[in-house]
Amino acid sequence: MDTPDGSDQTTKDTALKRLFSSMLCLLALLSLMTPARAQQELVSDPEVYEKAFFQKQCKVAEFGPDYISRIDINNDGLMDAVTNRGALTCDGHKSTTCNDDGCPYNFYVQVKEGGYLLIATATIYGYDFIQRFGNMVFVLKMHPRYCERTDSAPCEMTVRVRGTAFVTLSRK
């Protein structure tokens, strides 16, 4: 029964607010416990995957000999892959995705479960893959601004791939 001062209604409003707040907290907790749906899917072969993509995008897609490199980029004994879109000719136009920053390269790591995982895309001028202190590392050549410089000499960033992550060792 409502009283003239509205205390029953205030009590009901407070109870509803608490119930609503509890339900929101429960929904938030459940969403944290649900596995991420945006997890990246494995690719069976990066070369086949990317070539099929560009063959759909271009009437005539041509791939140069340096389009793909198969190397062990994370030192786990499995052959990984690096693709270079600068070696792509689409409908007679070479390297349409390249610009003043360089060309896009995709870095794929082969996983023990089978297949490859795309771990990075970088627009760079190129790279050297060399051994330093017993590990293979990339020396990425890129636009000078990535080394916080304004001169014209390319930035050289030395990175190592650990698992599925790039770790920067040095920049110059």
N, C-alpha and C. Protein backbone atom coordinates (compact mmCIF):
# COMPACT_ATOMS: atom_id res chain seq x y z
N MET A 1 0.82 -1.17 0.00
CA MET A 1 0.00 0.00 0.00
C MET A 1 0.87 1.24 0.00
N ASP A 2 0.56 2.21 -0.84
CA ASP A 2 1.34 3.43 -0.89
C ASP A 2 0.95 4.35 0.26
N THR A 3 1.95 4.93 0.82
CA THR A 3 1.71 5.93 1.86
C THR A 3 1.78 7.29 1.21
N PRO A 4 1.23 8.31 1.84
CA PRO A 4 1.24 9.66 1.25
C PRO A 4 2.65 10.17 0.98
N ASP A 5 3.66 9.71 1.72
CA ASP A 5 5.02 10.22 1.50
C ASP A 5 5.75 9.46 0.39
N GLY A 6 5.14 8.39 -0.18
CA GLY A 6 5.74 7.66 -1.29
C GLY A 6 6.86 6.72 -0.90
N SER A 7 6.98 6.35 0.37
CA SER A 7 8.10 5.51 0.81
C SER A 7 8.05 4.12 0.20
N ASP A 8 6.85 3.54 -0.02
CA ASP A 8 6.77 2.22 -0.67
C ASP A 8 7.29 2.30 -2.10
N GLN A 9 6.94 3.38 -2.80
CA GLN A 9 7.39 3.53 -4.18
C GLN A 9 8.91 3.72 -4.21
N THR A 10 9.45 4.48 -3.27
CA THR A 10 10.90 4.67 -3.19
C THR A 10 11.61 3.36 -2.93
N THR A 11 11.05 2.53 -2.05
CA THR A 11 11.63 1.23 -1.75
C THR A 11 11.62 0.34 -3.00
N LYS A 12 10.50 0.35 -3.74
CA LYS A 12 10.40 -0.44 -4.96
C LYS A 12 11.41 0.05 -6.01
N ASP A 13 11.54 1.37 -6.17
CA ASP A 13 12.49 1.93 -7.13
C ASP A 13 13.92 1.54 -6.77
N THR A 14 14.25 1.59 -5.50
CA THR A 14 15.60 1.21 -5.04
C THR A 14 15.85 -0.26 -5.32
N ALA A 15 14.87 -1.11 -5.05
CA ALA A 15 15.02 -2.55 -5.29
C ALA A 15 15.20 -2.83 -6.78
N LEU A 16 14.44 -2.15 -7.64
CA LEU A 16 14.57 -2.33 -9.08
C LEU A 16 15.95 -1.89 -9.58
N LYS A 17 16.44 -0.77 -9.04
CA LYS A 17 17.77 -0.28 -9.42
C LYS A 17 18.84 -1.28 -9.03
N ARG A 18 18.72 -1.86 -7.83
CA ARG A 18 19.69 -2.87 -7.37
C ARG A 18 19.63 -4.11 -8.25
N LEU A 19 18.43 -4.55 -8.60
CA LEU A 19 18.27 -5.72 -9.45
C LEU A 19 18.87 -5.46 -10.83
N PHE A 20 18.59 -4.31 -11.40
CA PHE A 20 19.12 -3.95 -12.70
C PHE A 20 20.65 -3.87 -12.66
N SER A 21 21.20 -3.27 -11.62
CA SER A 21 22.64 -3.16 -11.45
C SER A 21 23.28 -4.55 -11.32
N SER A 22 22.65 -5.43 -10.56
CA SER A 22 23.16 -6.79 -10.39
C SER A 22 23.15 -7.55 -11.71
N MET A 23 22.09 -7.37 -12.50
CA MET A 23 22.00 -8.03 -13.79
C MET A 23 23.09 -7.53 -14.74
N LEU A 24 23.36 -6.22 -14.74
CA LEU A 24 24.43 -5.68 -15.57
C LEU A 24 25.79 -6.25 -15.18
N CYS A 25 26.03 -6.35 -13.88
CA CYS A 25 27.30 -6.93 -13.40
C CYS A 25 27.43 -8.39 -13.84
N LEU A 26 26.34 -9.14 -13.75
CA LEU A 26 26.35 -10.54 -14.16
C LEU A 26 26.62 -10.66 -15.65
N LEU A 27 25.99 -9.82 -16.47
CA LEU A 27 26.23 -9.84 -17.91
C LEU A 27 27.68 -9.49 -18.23
N ALA A 28 28.23 -8.51 -17.54
CA ALA A 28 29.63 -8.13 -17.75
C ALA A 28 30.55 -9.29 -17.39
N LEU A 29 30.28 -9.97 -16.30
CA LEU A 29 31.10 -11.10 -15.88
C LEU A 29 31.01 -12.24 -16.89
N LEU A 30 29.81 -12.53 -17.37
CA LEU A 30 29.64 -13.59 -18.37
C LEU A 30 30.36 -13.26 -19.67
N SER A 31 30.36 -11.99 -20.06
CA SER A 31 31.05 -11.63 -21.30
C SER A 31 32.55 -11.79 -21.17
N LEU A 32 33.09 -11.59 -19.98
CA LEU A 32 34.52 -11.80 -19.77
C LEU A 32 34.89 -13.27 -19.82
N MET A 33 33.97 -14.12 -19.44
CA MET A 33 34.25 -15.55 -19.40
C MET A 33 34.04 -16.22 -20.76
N THR A 34 33.39 -15.55 -21.70
CA THR A 34 33.15 -16.11 -23.03
C THR A 34 34.43 -15.99 -23.85
N PRO A 35 34.84 -17.05 -24.55
CA PRO A 35 36.05 -16.96 -25.37
C PRO A 35 35.90 -15.89 -26.45
N ALA A 36 37.02 -15.30 -26.82
CA ALA A 36 37.00 -14.24 -27.83
C ALA A 36 36.55 -14.81 -29.16
N ARG A 37 35.57 -14.17 -29.76
CA ARG A 37 35.06 -14.63 -31.05
C ARG A 37 35.89 -14.08 -32.20
N ALA A 38 36.69 -13.07 -31.94
CA ALA A 38 37.48 -12.44 -32.99
C ALA A 38 38.84 -13.11 -33.17
N GLN A 39 39.02 -14.28 -32.58
CA GLN A 39 40.30 -14.97 -32.70
C GLN A 39 40.57 -15.27 -34.16
N GLN A 40 41.80 -15.04 -34.57
CA GLN A 40 42.18 -15.21 -35.95
C GLN A 40 42.18 -16.69 -36.33
N GLU A 41 41.72 -16.99 -37.52
CA GLU A 41 41.72 -18.36 -38.01
C GLU A 41 43.04 -18.67 -38.68
N LEU A 42 43.40 -19.94 -38.64
CA LEU A 42 44.63 -20.39 -39.29
C LEU A 42 44.43 -20.46 -40.80
N VAL A 43 45.51 -20.21 -41.53
CA VAL A 43 45.53 -20.31 -42.98
C VAL A 43 46.34 -21.55 -43.31
N SER A 44 45.83 -22.39 -44.20
CA SER A 44 46.55 -23.63 -44.51
C SER A 44 47.87 -23.36 -45.22
N ASP A 45 47.90 -22.37 -46.12
CA ASP A 45 49.13 -22.00 -46.82
C ASP A 45 49.02 -20.53 -47.22
N PRO A 46 49.88 -19.67 -46.70
CA PRO A 46 49.78 -18.23 -47.00
C PRO A 46 49.91 -17.91 -48.49
N GLU A 47 50.75 -18.65 -49.19
CA GLU A 47 50.94 -18.39 -50.61
C GLU A 47 49.65 -18.66 -51.39
N VAL A 48 49.03 -19.80 -51.14
CA VAL A 48 47.77 -20.14 -51.81
C VAL A 48 46.68 -19.16 -51.41
N TYR A 49 46.61 -18.84 -50.12
CA TYR A 49 45.59 -17.93 -49.58
C TYR A 49 45.68 -16.55 -50.22
N GLU A 50 46.88 -15.96 -50.22
CA GLU A 50 47.03 -14.60 -50.75
C GLU A 50 46.89 -14.56 -52.26
N LYS A 51 47.45 -15.56 -52.95
CA LYS A 51 47.32 -15.57 -54.41
C LYS A 51 45.86 -15.70 -54.82
N ALA A 52 45.09 -16.52 -54.13
CA ALA A 52 43.66 -16.66 -54.44
C ALA A 52 42.94 -15.33 -54.22
N PHE A 53 43.31 -14.60 -53.14
CA PHE A 53 42.71 -13.30 -52.86
C PHE A 53 42.96 -12.33 -54.01
N PHE A 54 44.21 -12.23 -54.46
CA PHE A 54 44.54 -11.27 -55.51
C PHE A 54 44.04 -11.71 -56.88
N GLN A 55 43.90 -12.99 -57.09
CA GLN A 55 43.34 -13.46 -58.35
C GLN A 55 41.86 -13.10 -58.45
N LYS A 56 41.19 -12.92 -57.31
CA LYS A 56 39.80 -12.44 -57.31
C LYS A 56 39.74 -10.93 -57.49
N GLN A 57 40.76 -10.21 -56.97
CA GLN A 57 40.78 -8.75 -57.02
C GLN A 57 41.22 -8.22 -58.39
N CYS A 58 42.06 -8.97 -59.08
CA CYS A 58 42.64 -8.54 -60.34
C CYS A 58 42.14 -9.42 -61.48
N LYS A 59 42.00 -8.83 -62.67
CA LYS A 59 41.67 -9.66 -63.83
C LYS A 59 42.86 -10.56 -64.15
N VAL A 60 44.07 -9.96 -64.08
CA VAL A 60 45.30 -10.71 -64.29
C VAL A 60 46.26 -10.39 -63.14
N ALA A 61 46.56 -11.38 -62.32
CA ALA A 61 47.49 -11.20 -61.20
C ALA A 61 48.77 -11.98 -61.51
N GLU A 62 49.89 -11.27 -61.44
CA GLU A 62 51.20 -11.90 -61.66
C GLU A 62 52.04 -11.71 -60.41
N PHE A 63 52.75 -12.77 -60.02
CA PHE A 63 53.54 -12.76 -58.79
C PHE A 63 55.00 -12.98 -59.14
N GLY A 64 55.84 -12.03 -58.72
CA GLY A 64 57.27 -12.15 -58.98
C GLY A 64 57.91 -13.23 -58.12
N PRO A 65 59.14 -13.58 -58.43
CA PRO A 65 59.82 -14.66 -57.70
C PRO A 65 60.08 -14.35 -56.23
N ASP A 66 60.10 -13.05 -55.87
CA ASP A 66 60.31 -12.70 -54.46
C ASP A 66 59.00 -12.36 -53.75
N TYR A 67 57.87 -12.85 -54.30
CA TYR A 67 56.58 -12.60 -53.65
C TYR A 67 56.50 -13.29 -52.29
N ILE A 68 57.04 -14.49 -52.19
CA ILE A 68 57.00 -15.20 -50.91
C ILE A 68 58.38 -15.72 -50.55
N SER A 69 58.71 -15.62 -49.27
CA SER A 69 59.95 -16.20 -48.72
C SER A 69 59.53 -17.17 -47.64
N ARG A 70 60.08 -18.36 -47.68
CA ARG A 70 59.78 -19.37 -46.66
C ARG A 70 61.04 -19.52 -45.80
N ILE A 71 60.95 -18.96 -44.60
CA ILE A 71 62.07 -18.96 -43.66
C ILE A 71 61.52 -19.16 -42.25
N ASP A 72 62.37 -19.62 -41.35
CA ASP A 72 61.97 -19.81 -39.95
C ASP A 72 62.18 -18.50 -39.22
N ILE A 73 61.13 -17.68 -39.13
CA ILE A 73 61.29 -16.34 -38.57
C ILE A 73 61.29 -16.30 -37.06
N ASN A 74 60.76 -17.34 -36.39
CA ASN A 74 60.71 -17.30 -34.93
C ASN A 74 61.58 -18.37 -34.26
N ASN A 75 62.49 -18.94 -35.03
CA ASN A 75 63.51 -19.86 -34.49
C ASN A 75 62.91 -21.07 -33.78
N ASP A 76 61.78 -21.59 -34.29
CA ASP A 76 61.17 -22.77 -33.67
C ASP A 76 61.34 -24.04 -34.49
N GLY A 77 62.05 -23.94 -35.61
CA GLY A 77 62.29 -25.11 -36.45
C GLY A 77 61.23 -25.34 -37.52
N LEU A 78 60.14 -24.57 -37.48
CA LEU A 78 59.10 -24.69 -38.50
C LEU A 78 59.27 -23.58 -39.54
N MET A 79 59.04 -23.91 -40.80
CA MET A 79 59.18 -22.91 -41.85
C MET A 79 57.97 -21.98 -41.86
N ASP A 80 58.25 -20.69 -41.75
CA ASP A 80 57.23 -19.66 -41.73
C ASP A 80 57.20 -19.01 -43.11
N ALA A 81 56.47 -17.94 -43.27
CA ALA A 81 56.36 -17.30 -44.58
C ALA A 81 56.26 -15.78 -44.44
N VAL A 82 56.87 -15.10 -45.42
CA VAL A 82 56.77 -13.64 -45.52
C VAL A 82 56.36 -13.34 -46.95
N THR A 83 55.26 -12.59 -47.11
CA THR A 83 54.84 -12.21 -48.46
C THR A 83 55.14 -10.74 -48.69
N ASN A 84 55.46 -10.42 -49.95
CA ASN A 84 55.87 -9.08 -50.35
C ASN A 84 54.93 -8.61 -51.46
N ARG A 85 54.03 -7.70 -51.13
CA ARG A 85 53.08 -7.22 -52.14
C ARG A 85 53.75 -6.35 -53.20
N GLY A 86 54.98 -5.96 -52.98
CA GLY A 86 55.72 -5.21 -53.99
C GLY A 86 56.05 -6.07 -55.20
N ALA A 87 55.97 -7.38 -55.06
CA ALA A 87 56.26 -8.30 -56.16
C ALA A 87 54.98 -8.72 -56.90
N LEU A 88 53.89 -8.01 -56.65
CA LEU A 88 52.60 -8.30 -57.28
C LEU A 88 52.35 -7.32 -58.42
N THR A 89 51.92 -7.84 -59.55
CA THR A 89 51.46 -7.00 -60.66
C THR A 89 49.99 -7.32 -60.86
N CYS A 90 49.15 -6.30 -60.72
CA CYS A 90 47.70 -6.47 -60.82
C CYS A 90 47.20 -5.72 -62.05
N ASP A 91 46.66 -6.45 -63.01
CA ASP A 91 46.14 -5.86 -64.25
C ASP A 91 47.17 -4.97 -64.93
N GLY A 92 48.41 -5.41 -64.95
CA GLY A 92 49.48 -4.69 -65.62
C GLY A 92 50.11 -3.58 -64.80
N HIS A 93 49.62 -3.32 -63.57
CA HIS A 93 50.17 -2.28 -62.71
C HIS A 93 50.99 -2.93 -61.60
N LYS A 94 52.27 -2.62 -61.59
CA LYS A 94 53.17 -3.21 -60.59
C LYS A 94 53.04 -2.48 -59.26
N SER A 95 52.95 -3.24 -58.20
CA SER A 95 53.02 -2.72 -56.84
C SER A 95 52.02 -1.60 -56.56
N THR A 96 50.77 -1.81 -56.85
CA THR A 96 49.77 -0.77 -56.64
C THR A 96 49.54 -0.44 -55.17
N THR A 97 49.96 -1.31 -54.25
CA THR A 97 49.76 -1.04 -52.83
C THR A 97 50.99 -0.40 -52.18
N CYS A 98 52.03 -0.18 -52.96
CA CYS A 98 53.24 0.46 -52.43
C CYS A 98 53.09 1.99 -52.49
N ASN A 99 53.81 2.65 -51.57
CA ASN A 99 53.80 4.11 -51.56
C ASN A 99 55.16 4.60 -51.05
N ASP A 100 55.25 5.86 -50.65
CA ASP A 100 56.52 6.43 -50.18
C ASP A 100 57.05 5.73 -48.93
N ASP A 101 56.18 5.06 -48.18
CA ASP A 101 56.60 4.34 -46.98
C ASP A 101 57.13 2.94 -47.29
N GLY A 102 56.95 2.48 -48.52
CA GLY A 102 57.41 1.16 -48.91
C GLY A 102 56.26 0.32 -49.41
N CYS A 103 56.40 -1.00 -49.26
CA CYS A 103 55.39 -1.95 -49.72
C CYS A 103 54.92 -2.80 -48.54
N PRO A 104 53.68 -3.24 -48.57
CA PRO A 104 53.18 -4.11 -47.49
C PRO A 104 53.81 -5.51 -47.53
N TYR A 105 54.25 -5.95 -46.38
CA TYR A 105 54.75 -7.31 -46.18
C TYR A 105 53.88 -7.96 -45.11
N ASN A 106 53.50 -9.20 -45.32
CA ASN A 106 52.76 -9.96 -44.32
C ASN A 106 53.67 -11.03 -43.75
N PHE A 107 53.65 -11.18 -42.44
CA PHE A 107 54.51 -12.14 -41.73
C PHE A 107 53.62 -13.22 -41.12
N TYR A 108 53.84 -14.46 -41.55
CA TYR A 108 53.06 -15.60 -41.09
C TYR A 108 53.96 -16.56 -40.31
N VAL A 109 53.44 -17.09 -39.21
CA VAL A 109 54.15 -18.08 -38.41
C VAL A 109 53.40 -19.40 -38.54
N GLN A 110 54.16 -20.47 -38.81
CA GLN A 110 53.55 -21.80 -38.85
C GLN A 110 53.41 -22.30 -37.42
N VAL A 111 52.25 -22.86 -37.10
CA VAL A 111 52.00 -23.35 -35.75
C VAL A 111 51.98 -24.88 -35.75
N LYS A 112 52.31 -25.45 -34.60
CA LYS A 112 52.41 -26.91 -34.48
C LYS A 112 51.10 -27.62 -34.75
N GLU A 113 49.98 -26.93 -34.48
CA GLU A 113 48.66 -27.53 -34.71
C GLU A 113 48.36 -27.69 -36.20
N GLY A 114 49.16 -27.07 -37.04
CA GLY A 114 48.96 -27.11 -38.48
C GLY A 114 48.42 -25.79 -38.97
N GLY A 115 48.96 -25.31 -40.04
CA GLY A 115 48.53 -24.04 -40.61
C GLY A 115 49.43 -22.90 -40.19
N TYR A 116 49.05 -21.72 -40.65
CA TYR A 116 49.83 -20.51 -40.43
C TYR A 116 48.96 -19.44 -39.80
N LEU A 117 49.58 -18.59 -39.00
CA LEU A 117 48.91 -17.49 -38.33
C LEU A 117 49.56 -16.19 -38.80
N LEU A 118 48.77 -15.25 -39.29
CA LEU A 118 49.29 -13.93 -39.67
C LEU A 118 49.59 -13.17 -38.40
N ILE A 119 50.86 -12.80 -38.17
CA ILE A 119 51.22 -12.12 -36.93
C ILE A 119 51.50 -10.63 -37.11
N ALA A 120 51.77 -10.21 -38.35
CA ALA A 120 52.07 -8.79 -38.57
C ALA A 120 51.98 -8.44 -40.04
N THR A 121 51.61 -7.19 -40.27
CA THR A 121 51.68 -6.58 -41.59
C THR A 121 52.47 -5.30 -41.41
N ALA A 122 53.47 -5.09 -42.24
CA ALA A 122 54.30 -3.89 -42.12
C ALA A 122 54.56 -3.31 -43.50
N THR A 123 54.48 -2.00 -43.61
CA THR A 123 54.85 -1.32 -44.85
C THR A 123 56.30 -0.88 -44.69
N ILE A 124 57.16 -1.55 -45.44
CA ILE A 124 58.60 -1.33 -45.31
C ILE A 124 59.24 -1.27 -46.70
N TYR A 125 60.50 -0.81 -46.74
CA TYR A 125 61.25 -0.79 -47.99
C TYR A 125 61.77 -2.20 -48.32
N GLY A 126 62.05 -2.96 -47.29
CA GLY A 126 62.61 -4.31 -47.44
C GLY A 126 63.19 -4.76 -46.12
N TYR A 127 63.87 -5.89 -46.13
CA TYR A 127 64.47 -6.40 -44.90
C TYR A 127 65.67 -7.29 -45.22
N ASP A 128 66.51 -7.44 -44.23
CA ASP A 128 67.57 -8.45 -44.23
C ASP A 128 67.23 -9.41 -43.11
N PHE A 129 67.45 -10.68 -43.33
CA PHE A 129 67.21 -11.70 -42.31
C PHE A 129 68.56 -12.29 -41.98
N ILE A 130 69.09 -11.92 -40.80
CA ILE A 130 70.48 -12.27 -40.46
C ILE A 130 70.55 -12.95 -39.08
N GLN A 131 71.69 -13.54 -38.83
CA GLN A 131 71.90 -14.17 -37.52
C GLN A 131 72.67 -13.23 -36.61
N ARG A 132 72.11 -13.06 -35.40
CA ARG A 132 72.78 -12.26 -34.36
C ARG A 132 72.70 -13.03 -33.06
N PHE A 133 73.83 -13.25 -32.44
CA PHE A 133 73.91 -13.93 -31.15
C PHE A 133 73.16 -15.26 -31.15
N GLY A 134 73.26 -15.99 -32.26
CA GLY A 134 72.67 -17.32 -32.34
C GLY A 134 71.21 -17.35 -32.77
N ASN A 135 70.58 -16.21 -32.91
CA ASN A 135 69.18 -16.17 -33.34
C ASN A 135 69.06 -15.41 -34.65
N MET A 136 68.08 -15.83 -35.44
CA MET A 136 67.78 -15.12 -36.67
C MET A 136 66.91 -13.91 -36.33
N VAL A 137 67.27 -12.76 -36.90
CA VAL A 137 66.53 -11.52 -36.65
C VAL A 137 66.30 -10.80 -37.98
N PHE A 138 65.30 -9.95 -37.99
CA PHE A 138 65.03 -9.08 -39.13
C PHE A 138 65.68 -7.74 -38.90
N VAL A 139 66.26 -7.18 -39.95
CA VAL A 139 66.64 -5.77 -39.97
C VAL A 139 65.69 -5.15 -40.99
N LEU A 140 64.63 -4.53 -40.47
CA LEU A 140 63.61 -3.94 -41.32
C LEU A 140 64.05 -2.56 -41.76
N LYS A 141 63.97 -2.30 -43.05
CA LYS A 141 64.32 -1.00 -43.60
C LYS A 141 63.02 -0.27 -43.88
N MET A 142 62.86 0.90 -43.22
CA MET A 142 61.58 1.59 -43.31
C MET A 142 61.77 3.10 -43.33
N HIS A 143 60.66 3.79 -43.45
CA HIS A 143 60.67 5.25 -43.50
C HIS A 143 61.36 5.81 -42.26
N PRO A 144 62.17 6.88 -42.40
CA PRO A 144 62.93 7.43 -41.27
C PRO A 144 62.06 7.86 -40.07
N ARG A 145 60.80 8.21 -40.30
CA ARG A 145 59.97 8.66 -39.17
C ARG A 145 59.77 7.57 -38.14
N TYR A 146 59.92 6.29 -38.53
CA TYR A 146 59.77 5.21 -37.55
C TYR A 146 60.93 5.17 -36.56
N CYS A 147 62.00 5.89 -36.88
CA CYS A 147 63.11 6.06 -35.95
C CYS A 147 63.13 7.49 -35.41
N GLU A 148 62.00 8.17 -35.56
CA GLU A 148 61.84 9.54 -35.10
C GLU A 148 62.88 10.47 -35.69
N ARG A 149 63.09 10.30 -37.03
CA ARG A 149 64.05 11.12 -37.76
C ARG A 149 63.35 11.81 -38.91
N THR A 150 63.95 12.92 -39.37
CA THR A 150 63.40 13.65 -40.51
C THR A 150 64.34 13.64 -41.71
N ASP A 151 65.51 12.99 -41.58
CA ASP A 151 66.42 12.93 -42.72
C ASP A 151 65.91 11.90 -43.73
N SER A 152 66.69 11.63 -44.78
CA SER A 152 66.21 10.74 -45.84
C SER A 152 66.74 9.32 -45.72
N ALA A 153 67.70 9.07 -44.86
CA ALA A 153 68.25 7.71 -44.72
C ALA A 153 67.21 6.79 -44.09
N PRO A 154 67.04 5.58 -44.62
CA PRO A 154 66.04 4.68 -44.06
C PRO A 154 66.31 4.33 -42.60
N CYS A 155 65.25 4.18 -41.87
CA CYS A 155 65.33 3.68 -40.50
C CYS A 155 65.64 2.19 -40.59
N GLU A 156 66.50 1.70 -39.74
CA GLU A 156 66.79 0.26 -39.66
C GLU A 156 66.40 -0.22 -38.28
N MET A 157 65.37 -1.03 -38.25
CA MET A 157 64.88 -1.56 -36.99
C MET A 157 65.19 -3.05 -36.94
N THR A 158 65.91 -3.46 -35.91
CA THR A 158 66.23 -4.87 -35.73
C THR A 158 65.20 -5.47 -34.78
N VAL A 159 64.54 -6.53 -35.27
CA VAL A 159 63.49 -7.17 -34.48
C VAL A 159 63.69 -8.68 -34.50
N ARG A 160 63.25 -9.29 -33.43
CA ARG A 160 63.26 -10.75 -33.31
C ARG A 160 61.81 -11.17 -33.14
N VAL A 161 61.46 -12.30 -33.71
CA VAL A 161 60.11 -12.84 -33.52
C VAL A 161 60.20 -13.91 -32.45
N ARG A 162 59.46 -13.70 -31.37
CA ARG A 162 59.38 -14.69 -30.29
C ARG A 162 57.96 -15.21 -30.26
N GLY A 163 57.80 -16.48 -30.55
CA GLY A 163 56.46 -17.04 -30.61
C GLY A 163 55.70 -16.40 -31.75
N THR A 164 54.73 -15.57 -31.41
CA THR A 164 53.95 -14.87 -32.43
C THR A 164 54.02 -13.35 -32.25
N ALA A 165 55.08 -12.86 -31.62
CA ALA A 165 55.20 -11.43 -31.36
C ALA A 165 56.55 -10.89 -31.84
N PHE A 166 56.53 -9.69 -32.39
CA PHE A 166 57.77 -9.00 -32.76
C PHE A 166 58.31 -8.28 -31.53
N VAL A 167 59.61 -8.43 -31.30
CA VAL A 167 60.28 -7.76 -30.18
C VAL A 167 61.38 -6.88 -30.80
N THR A 168 61.27 -5.57 -30.57
CA THR A 168 62.26 -4.65 -31.13
C THR A 168 63.53 -4.70 -30.30
N LEU A 169 64.65 -4.96 -30.98
CA LEU A 169 65.95 -5.02 -30.30
C LEU A 169 66.69 -3.69 -30.39
N SER A 170 66.59 -3.03 -31.56
CA SER A 170 67.27 -1.74 -31.72
C SER A 170 66.68 -0.99 -32.90
N ARG A 171 66.93 0.33 -32.89
CA ARG A 171 66.54 1.21 -34.01
C ARG A 171 67.69 2.15 -34.28
N LYS A 172 67.93 2.42 -35.56
CA LYS A 172 68.93 3.45 -35.90
C LYS A 172 68.56 4.13 -37.18
